[in-house]
Amino acid sequence: MAVQQQKKSKQKIRQRKAANRYRGFQTNICAQCGDIALPHRACPSCGYYKGKKVEL
């Protein structure tokens, strides 16, 4: 039977479990054009962010 030789630190355990929590890129729908855009970034198709036109 396998017996643990060294105690695993909390950091090592959490690093291993973090890979299972990854859900990929989260996307939002642009309020102006309805296209898919990343959060906290200007929409690549229309150039709006929080209801204002920004320079791309």
PDB file of N, CA and C in Angstrom:
ATOM      1  N   MET A   1       0.842  -1.186   0.000  1.00  0.00           N
ATOM      2  CA  MET A   1       0.000   0.000   0.000  1.00  0.00           C
ATOM      3  C   MET A   1       0.884   1.245   0.000  1.00  0.00           C
ATOM      4  N   ALA A   2       0.495   2.250  -0.765  1.00  0.00           N
ATOM      5  CA  ALA A   2       1.273   3.482  -0.855  1.00  0.00           C
ATOM      6  C   ALA A   2       1.107   4.307   0.419  1.00  0.00           C
ATOM      7  N   VAL A   3       2.245   4.850   0.880  1.00  0.00           N
ATOM      8  CA  VAL A   3       2.243   5.675   2.081  1.00  0.00           C
ATOM      9  C   VAL A   3       2.892   7.016   1.726  1.00  0.00           C
ATOM     10  N   GLN A   4       2.245   8.080   2.142  1.00  0.00           N
ATOM     11  CA  GLN A   4       2.754   9.423   1.869  1.00  0.00           C
ATOM     12  C   GLN A   4       4.081   9.631   2.584  1.00  0.00           C
ATOM     13  N   GLN A   5       5.103  10.111   1.837  1.00  0.00           N
ATOM     14  CA  GLN A   5       6.421  10.313   2.417  1.00  0.00           C
ATOM     15  C   GLN A   5       6.596  11.730   2.970  1.00  0.00           C
ATOM     16  N   GLN A   6       6.039  12.711   2.277  1.00  0.00           N
ATOM     17  CA  GLN A   6       6.142  14.110   2.698  1.00  0.00           C
ATOM     18  C   GLN A   6       4.749  14.731   2.671  1.00  0.00           C
ATOM     19  N   LYS A   7       4.528  15.679   3.585  1.00  0.00           N
ATOM     20  CA  LYS A   7       3.261  16.393   3.614  1.00  0.00           C
ATOM     21  C   LYS A   7       3.181  17.331   2.408  1.00  0.00           C
ATOM     22  N   LYS A   8       2.049  17.313   1.693  1.00  0.00           N
ATOM     23  CA  LYS A   8       1.832  18.239   0.575  1.00  0.00           C
ATOM     24  C   LYS A   8       1.404  19.583   1.140  1.00  0.00           C
ATOM     25  N   SER A   9       2.050  20.644   0.677  1.00  0.00           N
ATOM     26  CA  SER A   9       1.697  21.980   1.155  1.00  0.00           C
ATOM     27  C   SER A   9       0.345  22.401   0.565  1.00  0.00           C
ATOM     28  N   LYS A  10      -0.302  23.374   1.203  1.00  0.00           N
ATOM     29  CA  LYS A  10      -1.586  23.879   0.720  1.00  0.00           C
ATOM     30  C   LYS A  10      -1.439  24.478  -0.672  1.00  0.00           C
ATOM     31  N   GLN A  11      -0.306  25.123  -0.925  1.00  0.00           N
ATOM     32  CA  GLN A  11      -0.071  25.747  -2.224  1.00  0.00           C
ATOM     33  C   GLN A  11      -0.045  24.688  -3.327  1.00  0.00           C
ATOM     34  N   LYS A  12       0.656  23.590  -3.104  1.00  0.00           N
ATOM     35  CA  LYS A  12       0.743  22.533  -4.117  1.00  0.00           C
ATOM     36  C   LYS A  12      -0.624  21.911  -4.384  1.00  0.00           C
ATOM     37  N   ILE A  13      -1.396  21.689  -3.342  1.00  0.00           N
ATOM     38  CA  ILE A  13      -2.725  21.102  -3.497  1.00  0.00           C
ATOM     39  C   ILE A  13      -3.620  22.053  -4.280  1.00  0.00           C
ATOM     40  N   ARG A  14      -3.567  23.343  -3.948  1.00  0.00           N
ATOM     41  CA  ARG A  14      -4.418  24.330  -4.616  1.00  0.00           C
ATOM     42  C   ARG A  14      -4.014  24.521  -6.069  1.00  0.00           C
ATOM     43  N   GLN A  15      -2.716  24.450  -6.380  1.00  0.00           N
ATOM     44  CA  GLN A  15      -2.265  24.554  -7.771  1.00  0.00           C
ATOM     45  C   GLN A  15      -2.806  23.398  -8.601  1.00  0.00           C
ATOM     46  N   ARG A  16      -2.806  22.214  -8.029  1.00  0.00           N
ATOM     47  CA  ARG A  16      -3.291  21.042  -8.741  1.00  0.00           C
ATOM     48  C   ARG A  16      -4.797  21.142  -8.983  1.00  0.00           C
ATOM     49  N   LYS A  17      -5.548  21.599  -7.993  1.00  0.00           N
ATOM     50  CA  LYS A  17      -6.997  21.683  -8.111  1.00  0.00           C
ATOM     51  C   LYS A  17      -7.448  22.852  -8.984  1.00  0.00           C
ATOM     52  N   ALA A  18      -6.602  23.869  -9.145  1.00  0.00           N
ATOM     53  CA  ALA A  18      -6.974  25.050  -9.918  1.00  0.00           C
ATOM     54  C   ALA A  18      -7.216  24.703 -11.383  1.00  0.00           C
ATOM     55  N   ALA A  19      -6.523  23.719 -11.914  1.00  0.00           N
ATOM     56  CA  ALA A  19      -6.688  23.343 -13.312  1.00  0.00           C
ATOM     57  C   ALA A  19      -8.099  22.828 -13.585  1.00  0.00           C
ATOM     58  N   ASN A  20      -8.741  22.255 -12.599  1.00  0.00           N
ATOM     59  CA  ASN A  20     -10.093  21.741 -12.774  1.00  0.00           C
ATOM     60  C   ASN A  20     -11.136  22.852 -12.725  1.00  0.00           C
ATOM     61  N   ARG A  21     -10.791  23.993 -12.144  1.00  0.00           N
ATOM     62  CA  ARG A  21     -11.726  25.104 -12.034  1.00  0.00           C
ATOM     63  C   ARG A  21     -11.713  26.018 -13.247  1.00  0.00           C
ATOM     64  N   TYR A  22     -10.728  25.894 -14.120  1.00  0.00           N
ATOM     65  CA  TYR A  22     -10.602  26.776 -15.279  1.00  0.00           C
ATOM     66  C   TYR A  22     -11.766  26.562 -16.228  1.00  0.00           C
ATOM     67  N   ARG A  23     -12.449  27.644 -16.601  1.00  0.00           N
ATOM     68  CA  ARG A  23     -13.619  27.535 -17.460  1.00  0.00           C
ATOM     69  C   ARG A  23     -13.411  28.201 -18.812  1.00  0.00           C
ATOM     70  N   GLY A  24     -12.201  28.604 -19.139  1.00  0.00           N
ATOM     71  CA  GLY A  24     -11.931  29.233 -20.426  1.00  0.00           C
ATOM     72  C   GLY A  24     -12.309  30.700 -20.424  1.00  0.00           C
ATOM     73  N   PHE A  25     -12.351  31.309 -21.611  1.00  0.00           N
ATOM     74  CA  PHE A  25     -12.668  32.719 -21.739  1.00  0.00           C
ATOM     75  C   PHE A  25     -14.151  32.945 -21.484  1.00  0.00           C
ATOM     76  N   GLN A  26     -14.467  33.944 -20.673  1.00  0.00           N
ATOM     77  CA  GLN A  26     -15.849  34.362 -20.462  1.00  0.00           C
ATOM     78  C   GLN A  26     -16.145  35.476 -21.462  1.00  0.00           C
ATOM     79  N   THR A  27     -17.281  35.407 -22.119  1.00  0.00           N
ATOM     80  CA  THR A  27     -17.620  36.412 -23.123  1.00  0.00           C
ATOM     81  C   THR A  27     -18.892  37.136 -22.735  1.00  0.00           C
ATOM     82  N   ASN A  28     -19.029  38.356 -23.216  1.00  0.00           N
ATOM     83  CA  ASN A  28     -20.221  39.164 -23.027  1.00  0.00           C
ATOM     84  C   ASN A  28     -20.787  39.524 -24.387  1.00  0.00           C
ATOM     85  N   ILE A  29     -22.031  39.989 -24.370  1.00  0.00           N
ATOM     86  CA  ILE A  29     -22.667  40.452 -25.595  1.00  0.00           C
ATOM     87  C   ILE A  29     -22.632  41.972 -25.581  1.00  0.00           C
ATOM     88  N   CYS A  30     -22.178  42.554 -26.668  1.00  0.00           N
ATOM     89  CA  CYS A  30     -22.082  44.005 -26.795  1.00  0.00           C
ATOM     90  C   CYS A  30     -23.487  44.618 -26.768  1.00  0.00           C
ATOM     91  N   ALA A  31     -23.660  45.680 -25.980  1.00  0.00           N
ATOM     92  CA  ALA A  31     -24.965  46.342 -25.873  1.00  0.00           C
ATOM     93  C   ALA A  31     -25.313  47.127 -27.132  1.00  0.00           C
ATOM     94  N   GLN A  32     -24.318  47.576 -27.888  1.00  0.00           N
ATOM     95  CA  GLN A  32     -24.559  48.392 -29.083  1.00  0.00           C
ATOM     96  C   GLN A  32     -24.915  47.536 -30.298  1.00  0.00           C
ATOM     97  N   CYS A  33     -24.064  46.541 -30.580  1.00  0.00           N
ATOM     98  CA  CYS A  33     -24.243  45.784 -31.827  1.00  0.00           C
ATOM     99  C   CYS A  33     -24.694  44.337 -31.608  1.00  0.00           C
ATOM    100  N   GLY A  34     -24.602  43.832 -30.377  1.00  0.00           N
ATOM    101  CA  GLY A  34     -25.037  42.468 -30.100  1.00  0.00           C
ATOM    102  C   GLY A  34     -24.006  41.410 -30.436  1.00  0.00           C
ATOM    103  N   ASP A  35     -22.808  41.823 -30.784  1.00  0.00           N
ATOM    104  CA  ASP A  35     -21.744  40.893 -31.128  1.00  0.00           C
ATOM    105  C   ASP A  35     -21.042  40.419 -29.844  1.00  0.00           C
ATOM    106  N   ILE A  36     -20.283  39.354 -29.939  1.00  0.00           N
ATOM    107  CA  ILE A  36     -19.564  38.814 -28.790  1.00  0.00           C
ATOM    108  C   ILE A  36     -18.298  39.626 -28.543  1.00  0.00           C
ATOM    109  N   ALA A  37     -18.060  40.000 -27.279  1.00  0.00           N
ATOM    110  CA  ALA A  37     -16.878  40.782 -26.921  1.00  0.00           C
ATOM    111  C   ALA A  37     -16.357  40.294 -25.574  1.00  0.00           C
ATOM    112  N   LEU A  38     -15.067  40.454 -25.348  1.00  0.00           N
ATOM    113  CA  LEU A  38     -14.482  40.097 -24.067  1.00  0.00           C
ATOM    114  C   LEU A  38     -14.848  41.148 -23.022  1.00  0.00           C
ATOM    115  N   PRO A  39     -15.001  40.752 -21.747  1.00  0.00           N
ATOM    116  CA  PRO A  39     -15.354  41.728 -20.721  1.00  0.00           C
ATOM    117  C   PRO A  39     -14.231  42.730 -20.469  1.00  0.00           C
ATOM    118  N   HIS A  40     -14.581  43.953 -20.118  1.00  0.00           N
ATOM    119  CA  HIS A  40     -13.663  45.048 -19.796  1.00  0.00           C
ATOM    120  C   HIS A  40     -12.778  45.433 -20.977  1.00  0.00           C
ATOM    121  N   ARG A  41     -13.296  45.237 -22.177  1.00  0.00           N
ATOM    122  CA  ARG A  41     -12.569  45.613 -23.383  1.00  0.00           C
ATOM    123  C   ARG A  41     -13.559  46.194 -24.391  1.00  0.00           C
ATOM    124  N   ALA A  42     -13.069  47.041 -25.264  1.00  0.00           N
ATOM    125  CA  ALA A  42     -13.931  47.610 -26.303  1.00  0.00           C
ATOM    126  C   ALA A  42     -14.345  46.513 -27.281  1.00  0.00           C
ATOM    127  N   CYS A  43     -15.543  46.656 -27.808  1.00  0.00           N
ATOM    128  CA  CYS A  43     -16.052  45.687 -28.778  1.00  0.00           C
ATOM    129  C   CYS A  43     -15.214  45.771 -30.052  1.00  0.00           C
ATOM    130  N   PRO A  44     -14.709  44.648 -30.565  1.00  0.00           N
ATOM    131  CA  PRO A  44     -13.868  44.702 -31.763  1.00  0.00           C
ATOM    132  C   PRO A  44     -14.634  45.073 -33.033  1.00  0.00           C
ATOM    133  N   SER A  45     -15.943  44.853 -33.072  1.00  0.00           N
ATOM    134  CA  SER A  45     -16.684  45.139 -34.299  1.00  0.00           C
ATOM    135  C   SER A  45     -17.197  46.581 -34.371  1.00  0.00           C
ATOM    136  N   CYS A  46     -17.696  47.136 -33.234  1.00  0.00           N
ATOM    137  CA  CYS A  46     -18.248  48.494 -33.302  1.00  0.00           C
ATOM    138  C   CYS A  46     -17.399  49.530 -32.564  1.00  0.00           C
ATOM    139  N   GLY A  47     -16.524  49.112 -31.646  1.00  0.00           N
ATOM    140  CA  GLY A  47     -15.629  50.040 -30.964  1.00  0.00           C
ATOM    141  C   GLY A  47     -16.224  50.750 -29.760  1.00  0.00           C
ATOM    142  N   TYR A  48     -17.331  50.248 -29.233  1.00  0.00           N
ATOM    143  CA  TYR A  48     -17.950  50.869 -28.062  1.00  0.00           C
ATOM    144  C   TYR A  48     -17.521  50.165 -26.777  1.00  0.00           C
ATOM    145  N   TYR A  49     -17.404  50.944 -25.702  1.00  0.00           N
ATOM    146  CA  TYR A  49     -17.110  50.401 -24.374  1.00  0.00           C
ATOM    147  C   TYR A  49     -17.910  51.203 -23.358  1.00  0.00           C
ATOM    148  N   LYS A  50     -18.747  50.542 -22.594  1.00  0.00           N
ATOM    149  CA  LYS A  50     -19.630  51.179 -21.598  1.00  0.00           C
ATOM    150  C   LYS A  50     -20.456  52.296 -22.225  1.00  0.00           C
ATOM    151  N   GLY A  51     -20.963  52.075 -23.424  1.00  0.00           N
ATOM    152  CA  GLY A  51     -21.841  53.025 -24.074  1.00  0.00           C
ATOM    153  C   GLY A  51     -21.155  54.192 -24.742  1.00  0.00           C
ATOM    154  N   LYS A  52     -19.829  54.206 -24.784  1.00  0.00           N
ATOM    155  CA  LYS A  52     -19.103  55.313 -25.406  1.00  0.00           C
ATOM    156  C   LYS A  52     -18.196  54.787 -26.509  1.00  0.00           C
ATOM    157  N   LYS A  53     -18.083  55.564 -27.579  1.00  0.00           N
ATOM    158  CA  LYS A  53     -17.190  55.210 -28.691  1.00  0.00           C
ATOM    159  C   LYS A  53     -15.745  55.463 -28.281  1.00  0.00           C
ATOM    160  N   VAL A  54     -14.882  54.480 -28.479  1.00  0.00           N
ATOM    161  CA  VAL A  54     -13.461  54.634 -28.158  1.00  0.00           C
ATOM    162  C   VAL A  54     -12.640  54.382 -29.412  1.00  0.00           C
ATOM    163  N   GLU A  55     -11.447  54.970 -29.433  1.00  0.00           N
ATOM    164  CA  GLU A  55     -10.530  54.792 -30.564  1.00  0.00           C
ATOM    165  C   GLU A  55      -9.855  53.426 -30.450  1.00  0.00           C
ATOM    166  N   LEU A  56      -9.851  52.676 -31.520  1.00  0.00           N
ATOM    167  CA  LEU A  56      -9.198  51.361 -31.514  1.00  0.00           C
ATOM    168  C   LEU A  56      -7.831  51.439 -32.133  1.00  0.00           C
TER     169      LEU A  56
END
